[in-house]
Amino acid sequence: MKLDVYSMAGKKVDSVEVPAEIFEAPVRVDLMHQAFVRQMANARLGTHQTKSRSFVSGGGRKPYRQKGTGRARQGSTRAAQWVGGGKIHTPHPRDYSKKMPKKMRQAALRSALSAKAGDEALVLVDKMELKEAKTKLMAEALTKLVGDNSVLILLPSSEDGYEVITRSARNLAEAKTLEVSYLNIRDLLKYDRIVMPVSALEAIQAHLG
């Protein structure tokens, strides 16, 4: 598969062949769904806590005698049916994390990238650079490249001089910068377009194999 390469001004300047094993892989919807569910589950803290009757203070004395009152027998004022009593069937701390083999996670990422490439939602830029770190300049460049679509900006790494790009896109609500090493299924599926420099292709190939 060959993809067009654009300048930051939105003009086509070249074309490049992308790795078929990553951008022409079979689109496995089941794997993408599993990876997405796993990522969302692993993001849950699981720190919710409610008090059952054993954790509520008080209620040590039997509220009234067992027989002779005409009322239902009660052993504690901290039972669930009492005001101020404990709760039943409510959340308690737990681990929501799910496991998924690394090869399956990588296959899900390859599926998502292939789906984006097949939908022409992948935009390659020859050099990702701006004169200065300004949100306005970044917004104008992205408008020329992807229009009004939301965009995920993939960068090879933060050590390659992309600080200006990261700072310029920080305040854009419909844009996000992400290093290739942090590539994840949620961001790939969330944004309409993916913009990345040609140099990111090598980093993606090294990351996904």
Protein backbone atom coordinates (compact mmCIF):
# COMPACT_ATOMS: atom_id res chain seq x y z
CA MET A 1 0.00 0.00 0.00
CA LYS A 2 1.25 3.45 -0.92
CA LEU A 3 0.14 6.53 0.99
CA ASP A 4 0.50 10.14 -0.02
CA VAL A 5 2.84 12.35 1.99
CA TYR A 6 1.82 15.95 2.69
CA SER A 7 3.53 19.05 3.94
CA MET A 8 2.26 20.96 6.97
CA ALA A 9 0.60 23.30 4.45
CA GLY A 10 -1.60 20.43 3.27
CA LYS A 11 0.08 19.98 -0.13
CA LYS A 12 1.10 16.59 -1.49
CA VAL A 13 4.85 16.32 -1.76
CA ASP A 14 5.56 12.60 -2.09
CA SER A 15 4.23 9.08 -1.62
CA VAL A 16 5.62 6.26 0.46
CA GLU A 17 5.00 2.55 0.74
CA VAL A 18 3.89 1.48 4.21
CA PRO A 19 4.54 -1.95 5.79
CA ALA A 20 1.85 -4.36 4.62
CA GLU A 21 2.05 -6.49 7.77
CA ILE A 22 0.87 -3.49 9.83
CA PHE A 23 -1.30 -1.38 7.53
CA GLU A 24 -2.82 -4.18 5.45
CA ALA A 25 -3.40 -6.70 8.22
CA PRO A 26 -6.76 -8.49 8.58
CA VAL A 27 -9.21 -6.28 10.48
CA ARG A 28 -10.17 -8.33 13.54
CA VAL A 29 -13.13 -6.57 15.14
CA ASP A 30 -13.26 -9.16 17.91
CA LEU A 31 -9.66 -8.47 18.94
CA MET A 32 -10.17 -4.72 18.82
CA HIS A 33 -13.24 -5.05 21.03
CA GLN A 34 -11.43 -7.28 23.50
CA ALA A 35 -8.47 -4.91 23.68
CA PHE A 36 -10.78 -1.91 24.16
CA VAL A 37 -12.74 -3.60 26.96
CA ARG A 38 -9.46 -4.58 28.62
CA GLN A 39 -8.07 -1.06 28.45
CA MET A 40 -11.23 0.48 29.88
CA ALA A 41 -11.40 -2.13 32.63
CA ASN A 42 -7.74 -1.65 33.58
CA ALA A 43 -8.36 2.09 33.93
CA ARG A 44 -10.92 1.51 36.69
CA LEU A 45 -9.59 2.16 40.18
CA GLY A 46 -11.96 -0.20 41.97
CA THR A 47 -11.69 1.82 45.19
CA HIS A 48 -15.44 2.16 45.75
CA GLN A 49 -16.50 1.16 49.24
CA THR A 50 -19.75 0.91 51.18
CA LYS A 51 -20.31 -0.32 54.71
CA SER A 52 -22.04 -3.58 55.38
CA ARG A 53 -23.59 -4.23 58.81
CA SER A 54 -20.30 -5.53 60.15
CA PHE A 55 -18.61 -2.16 59.45
CA VAL A 56 -21.32 0.17 60.79
CA SER A 57 -20.71 1.33 64.34
CA GLY A 58 -23.27 0.68 67.05
CA GLY A 59 -26.10 -1.81 67.15
CA GLY A 60 -24.53 -4.10 69.70
CA ARG A 61 -27.59 -4.33 71.90
CA LYS A 62 -30.78 -6.11 70.89
CA PRO A 63 -33.26 -3.22 70.30
CA TYR A 64 -36.16 -4.90 72.14
CA ARG A 65 -37.10 -8.26 73.53
CA GLN A 66 -37.73 -11.21 71.25
CA LYS A 67 -41.39 -11.87 72.10
CA GLY A 68 -44.43 -10.10 73.36
CA THR A 69 -44.18 -6.79 71.50
CA GLY A 70 -46.17 -7.77 68.40
CA ARG A 71 -43.33 -6.54 66.22
CA ALA A 72 -40.95 -8.51 64.05
CA ARG A 73 -37.94 -9.88 65.89
CA GLN A 74 -34.81 -7.77 65.56
CA GLY A 75 -31.26 -8.47 66.63
CA SER A 76 -29.51 -5.21 65.76
CA THR A 77 -30.32 -1.66 64.73
CA ARG A 78 -27.54 -1.85 62.16
CA ALA A 79 -29.26 -4.42 59.95
CA ALA A 80 -30.02 -3.27 56.38
CA GLN A 81 -33.73 -2.58 57.00
CA TRP A 82 -32.94 -0.02 59.71
CA VAL A 83 -32.19 3.66 59.08
CA GLY A 84 -28.46 4.03 59.64
CA GLY A 85 -27.91 0.34 59.09
CA GLY A 86 -25.44 -1.34 56.77
CA LYS A 87 -25.90 -1.87 53.05
CA ILE A 88 -26.23 -5.15 51.18
CA HIS A 89 -25.25 -6.05 47.62
CA THR A 90 -23.32 -2.78 47.21
CA PRO A 91 -19.82 -2.16 45.78
CA HIS A 92 -16.66 -3.07 47.62
CA PRO A 93 -13.00 -2.69 46.56
CA ARG A 94 -12.06 -5.05 43.76
CA ASP A 95 -9.65 -5.46 40.87
CA TYR A 96 -11.28 -4.96 37.47
CA SER A 97 -8.14 -5.59 35.42
CA LYS A 98 -8.24 -8.08 32.57
CA LYS A 99 -5.41 -9.99 30.95
CA MET A 100 -4.74 -10.26 27.23
CA PRO A 101 -1.68 -11.82 25.57
CA LYS A 102 0.80 -9.38 24.06
CA LYS A 103 0.51 -10.87 20.56
CA MET A 104 -3.27 -10.41 20.66
CA ARG A 105 -2.90 -6.80 21.81
CA GLN A 106 -0.46 -6.13 18.97
CA ALA A 107 -2.80 -7.78 16.48
CA ALA A 108 -5.61 -5.50 17.70
CA LEU A 109 -3.43 -2.43 17.11
CA ARG A 110 -2.48 -3.65 13.64
CA SER A 111 -6.19 -4.17 12.91
CA ALA A 112 -7.03 -0.64 13.99
CA LEU A 113 -4.21 0.87 11.93
CA SER A 114 -5.24 -1.20 8.90
CA ALA A 115 -8.83 -0.06 9.30
CA LYS A 116 -7.72 3.58 9.43
CA ALA A 117 -5.49 3.15 6.39
CA GLY A 118 -8.29 1.41 4.48
CA ASP A 119 -10.68 4.26 5.31
CA GLU A 120 -8.13 6.85 4.14
CA ALA A 121 -8.01 8.22 7.68
CA LEU A 122 -4.22 8.04 7.91
CA VAL A 123 -2.32 11.21 6.97
CA LEU A 124 1.47 11.20 6.58
CA VAL A 125 3.49 14.40 6.90
CA ASP A 126 7.02 14.81 5.57
CA LYS A 127 8.24 17.00 8.43
CA MET A 128 6.16 17.71 11.50
CA GLU A 129 7.40 21.09 12.59
CA LEU A 130 6.19 24.60 13.36
CA LYS A 131 8.00 27.92 13.52
CA GLU A 132 7.00 28.39 17.14
CA ALA A 133 4.83 26.78 19.79
CA LYS A 134 1.46 28.40 19.11
CA THR A 135 -1.95 26.79 19.28
CA LYS A 136 -3.17 28.95 16.39
CA LEU A 137 -0.44 27.67 14.05
CA MET A 138 -1.19 24.07 15.00
CA ALA A 139 -4.92 24.54 14.49
CA GLU A 140 -4.36 26.04 11.03
CA ALA A 141 -2.05 23.19 10.01
CA LEU A 142 -4.47 20.51 11.20
CA THR A 143 -7.36 22.18 9.41
CA LYS A 144 -5.41 22.01 6.15
CA LEU A 145 -4.55 18.36 6.75
CA VAL A 146 -7.78 16.86 8.18
CA GLY A 147 -10.41 19.60 8.06
CA ASP A 148 -12.80 19.63 11.03
CA ASN A 149 -12.12 16.03 12.03
CA SER A 150 -10.69 15.09 15.40
CA VAL A 151 -7.08 14.00 15.11
CA LEU A 152 -4.55 11.83 16.89
CA ILE A 153 -0.99 13.04 16.29
CA LEU A 154 1.44 10.12 16.48
CA LEU A 155 5.05 11.04 17.21
CA PRO A 156 8.09 8.72 17.12
CA SER A 157 9.23 9.85 20.58
CA SER A 158 9.40 12.95 22.74
CA GLU A 159 13.18 13.05 22.36
CA ASP A 160 13.12 13.77 18.62
CA GLY A 161 12.46 17.49 18.91
CA TYR A 162 8.67 17.38 18.84
CA GLU A 163 8.19 19.48 21.97
CA VAL A 164 6.88 22.40 19.89
CA ILE A 165 4.23 20.15 18.34
CA THR A 166 3.18 18.76 21.72
CA ARG A 167 2.90 22.20 23.30
CA SER A 168 1.02 23.64 20.33
CA ALA A 169 -1.61 20.88 20.32
CA ARG A 170 -2.08 20.79 24.09
CA ASN A 171 -5.02 23.24 24.14
CA LEU A 172 -6.85 21.82 21.13
CA ALA A 173 -9.96 19.96 22.28
CA GLU A 174 -10.17 17.75 19.19
CA ALA A 175 -6.47 16.86 19.01
CA LYS A 176 -4.08 14.74 21.05
CA THR A 177 -0.39 13.98 20.72
CA LEU A 178 0.82 10.48 21.54
CA GLU A 179 4.16 8.72 21.34
CA VAL A 180 4.28 5.50 19.35
CA SER A 181 5.44 3.59 22.43
CA TYR A 182 2.13 4.51 24.12
CA LEU A 183 -0.01 3.46 21.16
CA ASN A 184 -3.35 2.09 22.39
CA ILE A 185 -6.63 0.88 20.94
CA ARG A 186 -8.80 3.48 22.66
CA ASP A 187 -7.07 6.48 21.09
CA LEU A 188 -6.88 4.81 17.68
CA LEU A 189 -10.64 4.24 17.67
CA LYS A 190 -11.60 7.54 19.34
CA TYR A 191 -10.18 9.98 16.80
CA ASP A 192 -11.38 10.40 13.21
CA ARG A 193 -7.94 10.91 11.66
CA ILE A 194 -4.37 9.96 12.47
CA VAL A 195 -1.58 12.37 11.52
CA MET A 196 2.04 11.36 11.85
CA PRO A 197 5.42 12.14 10.32
CA VAL A 198 6.99 9.63 7.95
CA SER A 199 9.66 8.94 10.56
CA ALA A 200 6.97 7.42 12.80
CA LEU A 201 6.54 4.49 10.41
CA GLU A 202 9.85 3.00 11.47
CA ALA A 203 8.95 3.41 15.14
CA ILE A 204 5.57 1.72 14.60
CA GLN A 205 7.21 -1.16 12.78
CA ALA A 206 9.68 -1.62 15.63
CA HIS A 207 6.88 -1.41 18.20
CA LEU A 208 4.43 -3.81 16.53
CA GLY A 209 6.87 -6.10 14.76
